[in-house]
PDB file of N, CA and C in Angstrom:
ATOM      1  N   MET A   1       0.782  -1.225  -0.059  1.00  0.00           N
ATOM      2  CA  MET A   1      -0.009  -0.004  -0.073  1.00  0.00           C
ATOM      3  C   MET A   1       0.993   1.242  -0.032  1.00  0.00           C
ATOM      4  N   LEU A   2       0.615   2.206  -0.803  1.00  0.00           N
ATOM      5  CA  LEU A   2       1.201   3.520  -0.817  1.00  0.00           C
ATOM      6  C   LEU A   2       0.911   4.279   0.322  1.00  0.00           C
ATOM      7  N   PRO A   3       2.068   5.079   0.710  1.00  0.00           N
ATOM      8  CA  PRO A   3       1.939   5.992   1.797  1.00  0.00           C
ATOM      9  C   PRO A   3       0.778   6.953   1.426  1.00  0.00           C
ATOM     10  N   ILE A   4       0.065   7.570   2.359  1.00  0.00           N
ATOM     11  CA  ILE A   4      -1.069   8.495   2.149  1.00  0.00           C
ATOM     12  C   ILE A   4      -0.775   9.615   1.277  1.00  0.00           C
ATOM     13  N   PRO A   5       0.382  10.417   1.592  1.00  0.00           N
ATOM     14  CA  PRO A   5       0.727  11.507   0.642  1.00  0.00           C
ATOM     15  C   PRO A   5       0.909  11.102  -0.770  1.00  0.00           C
ATOM     16  N   ASP A   6       1.493   9.859  -1.036  1.00  0.00           N
ATOM     17  CA  ASP A   6       1.685   9.434  -2.381  1.00  0.00           C
ATOM     18  C   ASP A   6       0.403   9.122  -2.978  1.00  0.00           C
ATOM     19  N   ILE A   7      -0.567   8.554  -2.284  1.00  0.00           N
ATOM     20  CA  ILE A   7      -1.791   8.212  -2.800  1.00  0.00           C
ATOM     21  C   ILE A   7      -2.471   9.568  -3.370  1.00  0.00           C
ATOM     22  N   ILE A   8      -2.385  10.561  -2.533  1.00  0.00           N
ATOM     23  CA  ILE A   8      -3.127  11.787  -2.966  1.00  0.00           C
ATOM     24  C   ILE A   8      -2.375  12.379  -4.197  1.00  0.00           C
ATOM     25  N   ARG A   9      -1.065  12.196  -4.233  1.00  0.00           N
ATOM     26  CA  ARG A   9      -0.215  12.743  -5.433  1.00  0.00           C
ATOM     27  C   ARG A   9      -0.567  12.013  -6.578  1.00  0.00           C
ATOM     28  N   ARG A  10      -0.684  10.641  -6.619  1.00  0.00           N
ATOM     29  CA  ARG A  10      -0.980   9.739  -7.722  1.00  0.00           C
ATOM     30  C   ARG A  10      -2.473  10.089  -8.116  1.00  0.00           C
ATOM     31  N   GLU A  11      -3.369  10.383  -7.250  1.00  0.00           N
ATOM     32  CA  GLU A  11      -4.798  10.368  -7.706  1.00  0.00           C
ATOM     33  C   GLU A  11      -5.144  11.655  -8.129  1.00  0.00           C
ATOM     34  N   ARG A  12      -4.209  12.759  -7.945  1.00  0.00           N
ATOM     35  CA  ARG A  12      -4.662  14.183  -8.384  1.00  0.00           C
ATOM     36  C   ARG A  12      -4.535  14.289  -9.935  1.00  0.00           C
ATOM     37  N   TRP A  13      -3.787  13.423 -10.757  1.00  0.00           N
ATOM     38  CA  TRP A  13      -3.612  13.574 -12.131  1.00  0.00           C
ATOM     39  C   TRP A  13      -5.082  13.435 -12.742  1.00  0.00           C
ATOM     40  N   GLY A  14      -5.400  14.333 -13.634  1.00  0.00           N
ATOM     41  CA  GLY A  14      -6.534  14.291 -14.370  1.00  0.00           C
ATOM     42  C   GLY A  14      -7.801  14.804 -13.400  1.00  0.00           C
ATOM     43  N   MET A  15      -7.478  15.087 -12.173  1.00  0.00           N
ATOM     44  CA  MET A  15      -8.694  15.666 -11.495  1.00  0.00           C
ATOM     45  C   MET A  15      -8.870  17.076 -11.783  1.00  0.00           C
ATOM     46  N   GLY A  16     -10.165  17.361 -12.077  1.00  0.00           N
ATOM     47  CA  GLY A  16     -10.505  18.871 -12.296  1.00  0.00           C
ATOM     48  C   GLY A  16     -10.614  19.570 -10.969  1.00  0.00           C
ATOM     49  N   LYS A  17     -11.568  20.523 -11.064  1.00  0.00           N
ATOM     50  CA  LYS A  17     -11.875  21.353  -9.808  1.00  0.00           C
ATOM     51  C   LYS A  17     -12.590  20.632  -8.856  1.00  0.00           C
ATOM     52  N   GLU A  18     -13.578  19.714  -9.366  1.00  0.00           N
ATOM     53  CA  GLU A  18     -14.301  19.047  -8.402  1.00  0.00           C
ATOM     54  C   GLU A  18     -14.444  17.538  -9.075  1.00  0.00           C
ATOM     55  N   PHE A  19     -13.776  16.576  -8.430  1.00  0.00           N
ATOM     56  CA  PHE A  19     -13.775  15.317  -9.081  1.00  0.00           C
ATOM     57  C   PHE A  19     -13.522  14.361  -7.907  1.00  0.00           C
ATOM     58  N   GLY A  20     -13.838  13.060  -8.055  1.00  0.00           N
ATOM     59  CA  GLY A  20     -13.563  12.107  -7.105  1.00  0.00           C
ATOM     60  C   GLY A  20     -12.944  10.783  -7.808  1.00  0.00           C
ATOM     61  N   ARG A  21     -12.132  10.076  -6.953  1.00  0.00           N
ATOM     62  CA  ARG A  21     -11.345   8.813  -7.436  1.00  0.00           C
ATOM     63  C   ARG A  21     -11.667   7.895  -6.182  1.00  0.00           C
ATOM     64  N   LEU A  22     -11.822   6.621  -6.668  1.00  0.00           N
ATOM     65  CA  LEU A  22     -12.034   5.505  -5.751  1.00  0.00           C
ATOM     66  C   LEU A  22     -10.559   4.714  -5.837  1.00  0.00           C
ATOM     67  N   ARG A  23     -10.040   4.351  -4.720  1.00  0.00           N
ATOM     68  CA  ARG A  23      -8.894   3.534  -4.669  1.00  0.00           C
ATOM     69  C   ARG A  23      -9.099   2.334  -3.767  1.00  0.00           C
ATOM     70  N   MET A  24      -9.072   1.000  -4.379  1.00  0.00           N
ATOM     71  CA  MET A  24      -9.310  -0.078  -3.552  1.00  0.00           C
ATOM     72  C   MET A  24      -7.991  -0.859  -3.726  1.00  0.00           C
ATOM     73  N   ASP A  25      -7.401  -1.289  -2.693  1.00  0.00           N
ATOM     74  CA  ASP A  25      -6.218  -2.089  -2.621  1.00  0.00           C
ATOM     75  C   ASP A  25      -6.592  -3.524  -2.457  1.00  0.00           C
ATOM     76  N   SER A  26      -6.303  -4.308  -3.428  1.00  0.00           N
ATOM     77  CA  SER A  26      -6.576  -5.660  -3.353  1.00  0.00           C
ATOM     78  C   SER A  26      -5.889  -6.297  -1.986  1.00  0.00           C
ATOM     79  N   GLY A  27      -6.737  -7.299  -1.369  1.00  0.00           N
ATOM     80  CA  GLY A  27      -6.325  -7.929  -0.231  1.00  0.00           C
ATOM     81  C   GLY A  27      -6.385  -7.022   1.122  1.00  0.00           C
ATOM     82  N   GLN A  28      -6.802  -5.770   0.829  1.00  0.00           N
ATOM     83  CA  GLN A  28      -6.897  -4.866   1.983  1.00  0.00           C
ATOM     84  C   GLN A  28      -8.389  -4.467   2.392  1.00  0.00           C
ATOM     85  N   HIS A  29      -8.858  -4.436   3.498  1.00  0.00           N
ATOM     86  CA  HIS A  29     -10.237  -4.008   3.859  1.00  0.00           C
ATOM     87  C   HIS A  29     -10.329  -2.403   4.126  1.00  0.00           C
ATOM     88  N   ARG A  30     -10.025  -1.638   3.135  1.00  0.00           N
ATOM     89  CA  ARG A  30      -9.901  -0.313   3.080  1.00  0.00           C
ATOM     90  C   ARG A  30     -10.602   0.214   1.849  1.00  0.00           C
ATOM     91  N   ARG A  31     -11.468   1.188   2.169  1.00  0.00           N
ATOM     92  CA  ARG A  31     -12.108   1.880   1.170  1.00  0.00           C
ATOM     93  C   ARG A  31     -11.674   3.339   1.208  1.00  0.00           C
ATOM     94  N   ILE A  32     -10.888   3.790   0.035  1.00  0.00           N
ATOM     95  CA  ILE A  32     -10.310   5.043   0.074  1.00  0.00           C
ATOM     96  C   ILE A  32     -10.777   5.958  -1.079  1.00  0.00           C
ATOM     97  N   ILE A  33     -11.307   7.111  -0.738  1.00  0.00           N
ATOM     98  CA  ILE A  33     -11.674   7.983  -2.028  1.00  0.00           C
ATOM     99  C   ILE A  33     -10.867   9.329  -1.826  1.00  0.00           C
ATOM    100  N   VAL A  34     -10.612   9.928  -2.838  1.00  0.00           N
ATOM    101  CA  VAL A  34      -9.921  11.143  -3.072  1.00  0.00           C
ATOM    102  C   VAL A  34     -10.921  12.210  -3.769  1.00  0.00           C
ATOM    103  N   VAL A  35     -11.364  13.058  -3.030  1.00  0.00           N
ATOM    104  CA  VAL A  35     -12.244  14.190  -3.744  1.00  0.00           C
ATOM    105  C   VAL A  35     -11.655  15.409  -3.723  1.00  0.00           C
ATOM    106  N   ALA A  36     -11.792  16.007  -4.908  1.00  0.00           N
ATOM    107  CA  ALA A  36     -11.248  17.437  -5.060  1.00  0.00           C
ATOM    108  C   ALA A  36     -12.369  18.339  -4.870  1.00  0.00           C
ATOM    109  N   ASN A  37     -12.282  19.382  -3.969  1.00  0.00           N
ATOM    110  CA  ASN A  37     -13.205  20.308  -3.511  1.00  0.00           C
ATOM    111  C   ASN A  37     -12.624  21.668  -3.762  1.00  0.00           C
ATOM    112  N   GLY A  38     -12.645  22.078  -5.033  1.00  0.00           N
ATOM    113  CA  GLY A  38     -11.892  23.356  -5.376  1.00  0.00           C
ATOM    114  C   GLY A  38     -10.479  23.030  -5.517  1.00  0.00           C
ATOM    115  N   ALA A  39      -9.670  23.727  -4.876  1.00  0.00           N
ATOM    116  CA  ALA A  39      -8.105  23.446  -4.975  1.00  0.00           C
ATOM    117  C   ALA A  39      -7.665  22.455  -3.859  1.00  0.00           C
ATOM    118  N   ARG A  40      -8.623  22.089  -2.911  1.00  0.00           N
ATOM    119  CA  ARG A  40      -8.463  21.163  -1.886  1.00  0.00           C
ATOM    120  C   ARG A  40      -8.669  19.683  -2.179  1.00  0.00           C
ATOM    121  N   HIS A  41      -7.725  18.788  -1.997  1.00  0.00           N
ATOM    122  CA  HIS A  41      -8.029  17.247  -2.243  1.00  0.00           C
ATOM    123  C   HIS A  41      -8.062  16.713  -0.845  1.00  0.00           C
ATOM    124  N   MET A  42      -9.193  16.103  -0.615  1.00  0.00           N
ATOM    125  CA  MET A  42      -9.557  15.435   0.562  1.00  0.00           C
ATOM    126  C   MET A  42      -9.456  13.958   0.376  1.00  0.00           C
ATOM    127  N   LEU A  43      -8.628  13.335   1.298  1.00  0.00           N
ATOM    128  CA  LEU A  43      -8.673  11.781   1.213  1.00  0.00           C
ATOM    129  C   LEU A  43      -9.606  11.281   2.295  1.00  0.00           C
ATOM    130  N   MET A  44     -10.361  10.273   1.934  1.00  0.00           N
ATOM    131  CA  MET A  44     -11.201   9.708   3.011  1.00  0.00           C
ATOM    132  C   MET A  44     -11.138   8.238   2.968  1.00  0.00           C
ATOM    133  N   HIS A  45     -10.714   7.731   4.282  1.00  0.00           N
ATOM    134  CA  HIS A  45     -10.789   6.308   4.557  1.00  0.00           C
ATOM    135  C   HIS A  45     -11.961   5.913   4.966  1.00  0.00           C
ATOM    136  N   ASN A  46     -12.431   4.864   4.392  1.00  0.00           N
ATOM    137  CA  ASN A  46     -13.849   4.153   4.934  1.00  0.00           C
ATOM    138  C   ASN A  46     -14.882   5.244   5.159  1.00  0.00           C
ATOM    139  N   PRO A  47     -15.294   6.043   3.989  1.00  0.00           N
ATOM    140  CA  PRO A  47     -16.336   7.120   4.423  1.00  0.00           C
ATOM    141  C   PRO A  47     -17.609   6.386   4.466  1.00  0.00           C
ATOM    142  N   GLU A  48     -18.517   6.906   5.230  1.00  0.00           N
ATOM    143  CA  GLU A  48     -19.762   6.456   5.657  1.00  0.00           C
ATOM    144  C   GLU A  48     -20.759   7.650   5.764  1.00  0.00           C
ATOM    145  N   ILE A  49     -21.794   7.464   5.012  1.00  0.00           N
ATOM    146  CA  ILE A  49     -22.880   8.583   5.065  1.00  0.00           C
ATOM    147  C   ILE A  49     -23.698   8.398   6.304  1.00  0.00           C
ATOM    148  N   LEU A  50     -23.909   9.301   7.145  1.00  0.00           N
ATOM    149  CA  LEU A  50     -24.682   9.097   8.246  1.00  0.00           C
ATOM    150  C   LEU A  50     -25.988   9.747   8.131  1.00  0.00           C
ATOM    151  N   GLU A  51     -26.125  10.750   7.344  1.00  0.00           N
ATOM    152  CA  GLU A  51     -27.435  11.560   7.130  1.00  0.00           C
ATOM    153  C   GLU A  51     -27.441  12.014   5.749  1.00  0.00           C
ATOM    154  N   ALA A  52     -28.636  11.929   5.248  1.00  0.00           N
ATOM    155  CA  ALA A  52     -28.849  12.422   3.859  1.00  0.00           C
ATOM    156  C   ALA A  52     -30.176  13.141   3.680  1.00  0.00           C
ATOM    157  N   ALA A  53     -30.293  14.328   2.975  1.00  0.00           N
ATOM    158  CA  ALA A  53     -31.551  15.008   2.929  1.00  0.00           C
ATOM    159  C   ALA A  53     -31.529  15.725   1.636  1.00  0.00           C
ATOM    160  N   GLY A  54     -32.834  15.995   1.155  1.00  0.00           N
ATOM    161  CA  GLY A  54     -32.957  16.535  -0.073  1.00  0.00           C
ATOM    162  C   GLY A  54     -32.880  15.689  -1.319  1.00  0.00           C
ATOM    163  N   PRO A  55     -33.563  14.513  -1.376  1.00  0.00           N
ATOM    164  CA  PRO A  55     -33.300  13.589  -2.544  1.00  0.00           C
ATOM    165  C   PRO A  55     -33.779  14.417  -3.780  1.00  0.00           C
ATOM    166  N   TYR A  56     -32.925  14.036  -4.974  1.00  0.00           N
ATOM    167  CA  TYR A  56     -33.235  14.522  -6.334  1.00  0.00           C
ATOM    168  C   TYR A  56     -32.889  13.535  -7.316  1.00  0.00           C
ATOM    169  N   GLU A  57     -33.377  13.574  -8.401  1.00  0.00           N
ATOM    170  CA  GLU A  57     -33.104  12.637  -9.464  1.00  0.00           C
ATOM    171  C   GLU A  57     -32.015  13.377 -10.541  1.00  0.00           C
ATOM    172  N   THR A  58     -30.925  12.711 -10.995  1.00  0.00           N
ATOM    173  CA  THR A  58     -30.005  13.308 -11.798  1.00  0.00           C
ATOM    174  C   THR A  58     -29.430  12.163 -12.769  1.00  0.00           C
ATOM    175  N   GLU A  59     -28.539  12.780 -13.597  1.00  0.00           N
ATOM    176  CA  GLU A  59     -27.865  11.812 -14.460  1.00  0.00           C
ATOM    177  C   GLU A  59     -26.440  12.079 -14.180  1.00  0.00           C
ATOM    178  N   GLU A  60     -25.634  10.908 -14.030  1.00  0.00           N
ATOM    179  CA  GLU A  60     -24.254  11.026 -13.735  1.00  0.00           C
ATOM    180  C   GLU A  60     -23.350  10.145 -15.017  1.00  0.00           C
ATOM    181  N   GLY A  61     -22.259  10.656 -15.167  1.00  0.00           N
ATOM    182  CA  GLY A  61     -21.249   9.886 -16.002  1.00  0.00           C
ATOM    183  C   GLY A  61     -20.270   9.119 -14.893  1.00  0.00           C
ATOM    184  N   CYS A  62     -19.525   8.166 -15.603  1.00  0.00           N
ATOM    185  CA  CYS A  62     -18.477   7.490 -14.861  1.00  0.00           C
ATOM    186  C   CYS A  62     -17.466   7.067 -15.684  1.00  0.00           C
ATOM    187  N   LEU A  63     -16.230   7.105 -15.217  1.00  0.00           N
ATOM    188  CA  LEU A  63     -15.111   6.489 -15.889  1.00  0.00           C
ATOM    189  C   LEU A  63     -15.190   5.120 -16.226  1.00  0.00           C
ATOM    190  N   SER A  64     -16.008   4.385 -15.406  1.00  0.00           N
ATOM    191  CA  SER A  64     -16.161   2.889 -15.419  1.00  0.00           C
ATOM    192  C   SER A  64     -17.253   2.402 -16.503  1.00  0.00           C
ATOM    193  N   LEU A  65     -18.014   3.514 -17.055  1.00  0.00           N
ATOM    194  CA  LEU A  65     -19.018   3.162 -17.907  1.00  0.00           C
ATOM    195  C   LEU A  65     -19.153   4.248 -19.143  1.00  0.00           C
ATOM    196  N   GLU A  66     -19.584   3.911 -20.117  1.00  0.00           N
ATOM    197  CA  GLU A  66     -19.860   4.881 -21.204  1.00  0.00           C
ATOM    198  C   GLU A  66     -21.201   5.666 -21.057  1.00  0.00           C
ATOM    199  N   GLY A  67     -21.364   6.850 -21.400  1.00  0.00           N
ATOM    200  CA  GLY A  67     -22.394   7.691 -21.257  1.00  0.00           C
ATOM    201  C   GLY A  67     -22.828   8.086 -19.889  1.00  0.00           C
ATOM    202  N   THR A  68     -24.021   8.354 -19.642  1.00  0.00           N
ATOM    203  CA  THR A  68     -24.711   8.845 -18.440  1.00  0.00           C
ATOM    204  C   THR A  68     -25.781   7.859 -17.964  1.00  0.00           C
ATOM    205  N   ARG A  69     -26.114   7.908 -16.712  1.00  0.00           N
ATOM    206  CA  ARG A  69     -27.097   6.905 -16.259  1.00  0.00           C
ATOM    207  C   ARG A  69     -27.922   7.764 -15.331  1.00  0.00           C
ATOM    208  N   PRO A  70     -29.277   7.516 -15.171  1.00  0.00           N
ATOM    209  CA  PRO A  70     -30.011   8.170 -14.153  1.00  0.00           C
ATOM    210  C   PRO A  70     -29.692   7.685 -12.694  1.00  0.00           C
ATOM    211  N   CYS A  71     -29.883   8.517 -11.666  1.00  0.00           N
ATOM    212  CA  CYS A  71     -29.608   7.867 -10.330  1.00  0.00           C
ATOM    213  C   CYS A  71     -30.256   8.982  -9.410  1.00  0.00           C
ATOM    214  N   LYS A  72     -30.306   8.466  -8.215  1.00  0.00           N
ATOM    215  CA  LYS A  72     -31.059   9.362  -7.021  1.00  0.00           C
ATOM    216  C   LYS A  72     -29.777   9.713  -6.203  1.00  0.00           C
ATOM    217  N   ARG A  73     -29.835  11.031  -5.896  1.00  0.00           N
ATOM    218  CA  ARG A  73     -28.756  11.699  -4.988  1.00  0.00           C
ATOM    219  C   ARG A  73     -29.508  12.463  -3.932  1.00  0.00           C
ATOM    220  N   TYR A  74     -28.693  12.884  -3.241  1.00  0.00           N
ATOM    221  CA  TYR A  74     -29.190  13.879  -1.918  1.00  0.00           C
ATOM    222  C   TYR A  74     -28.338  15.097  -1.968  1.00  0.00           C
ATOM    223  N   ARG A  75     -29.063  16.224  -1.725  1.00  0.00           N
ATOM    224  CA  ARG A  75     -28.438  17.566  -1.837  1.00  0.00           C
ATOM    225  C   ARG A  75     -27.434  17.845  -0.611  1.00  0.00           C
ATOM    226  N   ARG A  76     -27.762  17.172   0.549  1.00  0.00           N
ATOM    227  CA  ARG A  76     -26.857  17.352   1.691  1.00  0.00           C
ATOM    228  C   ARG A  76     -26.628  16.088   2.303  1.00  0.00           C
ATOM    229  N   ILE A  77     -25.346  15.852   2.675  1.00  0.00           N
ATOM    230  CA  ILE A  77     -24.999  14.564   3.176  1.00  0.00           C
ATOM    231  C   ILE A  77     -23.965  14.754   4.363  1.00  0.00           C
ATOM    232  N   LYS A  78     -24.055  13.914   5.303  1.00  0.00           N
ATOM    233  CA  LYS A  78     -23.210  14.082   6.688  1.00  0.00           C
ATOM    234  C   LYS A  78     -22.421  12.809   6.520  1.00  0.00           C
ATOM    235  N   VAL A  79     -21.093  12.946   6.412  1.00  0.00           N
ATOM    236  CA  VAL A  79     -20.154  11.887   6.208  1.00  0.00           C
ATOM    237  C   VAL A  79     -19.107  11.601   7.305  1.00  0.00           C
ATOM    238  N   ARG A  80     -18.930  10.476   7.854  1.00  0.00           N
ATOM    239  CA  ARG A  80     -17.828  10.285   8.810  1.00  0.00           C
ATOM    240  C   ARG A  80     -16.723   9.511   8.120  1.00  0.00           C
ATOM    241  N   TYR A  81     -15.457   9.823   8.372  1.00  0.00           N
ATOM    242  CA  TYR A  81     -14.457   9.147   7.586  1.00  0.00           C
ATOM    243  C   TYR A  81     -13.101   9.530   8.378  1.00  0.00           C
ATOM    244  N   LEU A  82     -12.161   8.749   8.074  1.00  0.00           N
ATOM    245  CA  LEU A  82     -10.746   8.969   8.568  1.00  0.00           C
ATOM    246  C   LEU A  82     -10.023   9.797   7.689  1.00  0.00           C
ATOM    247  N   ASP A  83      -9.169  10.833   8.103  1.00  0.00           N
ATOM    248  CA  ASP A  83      -8.512  11.563   6.919  1.00  0.00           C
ATOM    249  C   ASP A  83      -7.116  11.052   7.007  1.00  0.00           C
ATOM    250  N   GLU A  84      -6.237  11.829   6.267  1.00  0.00           N
ATOM    251  CA  GLU A  84      -4.938  11.212   5.976  1.00  0.00           C
ATOM    252  C   GLU A  84      -4.081  11.080   7.059  1.00  0.00           C
ATOM    253  N   CYS A  85      -4.479  11.638   8.263  1.00  0.00           N
ATOM    254  CA  CYS A  85      -3.690  11.431   9.476  1.00  0.00           C
ATOM    255  C   CYS A  85      -4.326  10.581  10.358  1.00  0.00           C
ATOM    256  N   TRP A  86      -5.268   9.711   9.954  1.00  0.00           N
ATOM    257  CA  TRP A  86      -6.078   8.779  10.574  1.00  0.00           C
ATOM    258  C   TRP A  86      -6.912   9.217  11.639  1.00  0.00           C
ATOM    259  N   THR A  87      -7.324  10.616  11.571  1.00  0.00           N
ATOM    260  CA  THR A  87      -8.204  11.423  12.447  1.00  0.00           C
ATOM    261  C   THR A  87      -9.638  11.242  11.917  1.00  0.00           C
ATOM    262  N   GLU A  88     -10.577  10.851  12.949  1.00  0.00           N
ATOM    263  CA  GLU A  88     -11.942  10.640  12.617  1.00  0.00           C
ATOM    264  C   GLU A  88     -12.431  12.027  12.384  1.00  0.00           C
ATOM    265  N   ARG A  89     -13.257  12.229  11.171  1.00  0.00           N
ATOM    266  CA  ARG A  89     -13.725  13.465  10.912  1.00  0.00           C
ATOM    267  C   ARG A  89     -15.323  13.167  10.566  1.00  0.00           C
ATOM    268  N   THR A  90     -16.128  14.269  10.987  1.00  0.00           N
ATOM    269  CA  THR A  90     -17.476  14.071  10.532  1.00  0.00           C
ATOM    270  C   THR A  90     -17.964  15.428   9.808  1.00  0.00           C
ATOM    271  N   PHE A  91     -18.407  15.592   8.709  1.00  0.00           N
ATOM    272  CA  PHE A  91     -18.397  16.788   7.858  1.00  0.00           C
ATOM    273  C   PHE A  91     -19.739  16.745   7.139  1.00  0.00           C
ATOM    274  N   THR A  92     -20.473  17.968   7.021  1.00  0.00           N
ATOM    275  CA  THR A  92     -21.524  17.882   5.982  1.00  0.00           C
ATOM    276  C   THR A  92     -21.211  18.607   4.650  1.00  0.00           C
ATOM    277  N   PHE A  93     -21.616  17.896   3.545  1.00  0.00           N
ATOM    278  CA  PHE A  93     -21.323  18.402   2.434  1.00  0.00           C
ATOM    279  C   PHE A  93     -22.428  18.623   1.645  1.00  0.00           C
ATOM    280  N   THR A  94     -22.395  19.609   0.545  1.00  0.00           N
ATOM    281  CA  THR A  94     -23.626  19.930  -0.017  1.00  0.00           C
ATOM    282  C   THR A  94     -23.392  20.054  -1.586  1.00  0.00           C
ATOM    283  N   GLY A  95     -24.369  20.214  -2.334  1.00  0.00           N
ATOM    284  CA  GLY A  95     -24.123  20.499  -3.759  1.00  0.00           C
ATOM    285  C   GLY A  95     -23.533  19.422  -4.637  1.00  0.00           C
ATOM    286  N   TYR A  96     -22.719  19.829  -5.555  1.00  0.00           N
ATOM    287  CA  TYR A  96     -21.868  18.903  -6.435  1.00  0.00           C
ATOM    288  C   TYR A  96     -20.874  18.076  -5.759  1.00  0.00           C
ATOM    289  N   VAL A  97     -20.323  18.573  -4.743  1.00  0.00           N
ATOM    290  CA  VAL A  97     -19.289  17.795  -3.963  1.00  0.00           C
ATOM    291  C   VAL A  97     -20.085  16.774  -3.298  1.00  0.00           C
ATOM    292  N   ALA A  98     -21.151  16.842  -2.740  1.00  0.00           N
ATOM    293  CA  ALA A  98     -21.867  15.892  -2.121  1.00  0.00           C
ATOM    294  C   ALA A  98     -22.297  14.812  -3.091  1.00  0.00           C
ATOM    295  N   GLU A  99     -22.646  15.199  -4.331  1.00  0.00           N
ATOM    296  CA  GLU A  99     -22.948  14.005  -5.427  1.00  0.00           C
ATOM    297  C   GLU A  99     -21.772  13.334  -5.717  1.00  0.00           C
ATOM    298  N   ILE A 100     -20.574  13.991  -5.772  1.00  0.00           N
ATOM    299  CA  ILE A 100     -19.288  13.225  -6.219  1.00  0.00           C
ATOM    300  C   ILE A 100     -18.994  12.145  -4.972  1.00  0.00           C
ATOM    301  N   ILE A 101     -19.224  12.512  -3.735  1.00  0.00           N
ATOM    302  CA  ILE A 101     -18.880  11.703  -2.684  1.00  0.00           C
ATOM    303  C   ILE A 101     -19.864  10.555  -2.813  1.00  0.00           C
ATOM    304  N   GLN A 102     -20.997  10.739  -3.022  1.00  0.00           N
ATOM    305  CA  GLN A 102     -22.160   9.582  -2.861  1.00  0.00           C
ATOM    306  C   GLN A 102     -21.693   8.774  -4.085  1.00  0.00           C
ATOM    307  N   HIS A 103     -21.327   9.316  -5.160  1.00  0.00           N
ATOM    308  CA  HIS A 103     -20.955   8.383  -6.313  1.00  0.00           C
ATOM    309  C   HIS A 103     -19.743   7.605  -6.000  1.00  0.00           C
ATOM    310  N   GLU A 104     -18.831   8.047  -5.350  1.00  0.00           N
ATOM    311  CA  GLU A 104     -17.496   7.206  -5.023  1.00  0.00           C
ATOM    312  C   GLU A 104     -17.891   6.362  -3.853  1.00  0.00           C
ATOM    313  N   ILE A 105     -18.674   6.713  -2.892  1.00  0.00           N
ATOM    314  CA  ILE A 105     -19.020   5.741  -1.911  1.00  0.00           C
ATOM    315  C   ILE A 105     -19.846   4.534  -2.479  1.00  0.00           C
ATOM    316  N   ASP A 106     -20.756   4.809  -3.379  1.00  0.00           N
ATOM    317  CA  ASP A 106     -21.518   3.806  -4.178  1.00  0.00           C
ATOM    318  C   ASP A 106     -20.292   2.800  -4.689  1.00  0.00           C
ATOM    319  N   HIS A 107     -19.313   3.430  -5.396  1.00  0.00           N
ATOM    320  CA  HIS A 107     -18.383   2.444  -5.887  1.00  0.00           C
ATOM    321  C   HIS A 107     -17.775   1.544  -4.800  1.00  0.00           C
ATOM    322  N   CYS A 108     -17.430   2.181  -3.529  1.00  0.00           N
ATOM    323  CA  CYS A 108     -16.780   1.471  -2.580  1.00  0.00           C
ATOM    324  C   CYS A 108     -17.674   0.259  -2.159  1.00  0.00           C
ATOM    325  N   ASN A 109     -18.964   0.443  -2.252  1.00  0.00           N
ATOM    326  CA  ASN A 109     -19.978  -0.538  -1.929  1.00  0.00           C
ATOM    327  C   ASN A 109     -20.383  -1.397  -3.115  1.00  0.00           C
ATOM    328  N   GLY A 110     -19.640  -1.206  -4.112  1.00  0.00           N
ATOM    329  CA  GLY A 110     -19.766  -2.207  -5.254  1.00  0.00           C
ATOM    330  C   GLY A 110     -21.152  -1.858  -6.149  1.00  0.00           C
ATOM    331  N   VAL A 111     -21.443  -0.625  -6.097  1.00  0.00           N
ATOM    332  CA  VAL A 111     -22.765  -0.186  -6.817  1.00  0.00           C
ATOM    333  C   VAL A 111     -22.114   0.738  -8.043  1.00  0.00           C
ATOM    334  N   LEU A 112     -22.601   0.438  -9.220  1.00  0.00           N
ATOM    335  CA  LEU A 112     -22.246   1.324 -10.312  1.00  0.00           C
ATOM    336  C   LEU A 112     -23.694   2.037 -10.711  1.00  0.00           C
ATOM    337  N   ILE A 113     -23.592   3.137 -11.224  1.00  0.00           N
ATOM    338  CA  ILE A 113     -24.763   4.045 -11.471  1.00  0.00           C
ATOM    339  C   ILE A 113     -25.511   3.276 -12.585  1.00  0.00           C
TER     340      ILE A 113
END
């Protein structure tokens, strides 16, 4: 497994202003996503959605699939995760960043849109 700063550096390539990446290491029981929130790249170990509010229907694209697919998302989510220093964090996300996090957590749970 790569050290945490190396994971962030490697996952930044190709990431736009707001984008997410899933990293699953075979043989490891870790779910790691890297989410760009403006200029800040947040690494989340084992993210878990605690609360979700404001459901809406949207269409999303995915690097794993061609085209877009309809899906249900929430406008506001509260997420618990471990950061790059292994500190537990709980934070509320809204808007497009919340949508990206939901998409990447779905991947962690084996769900494709």
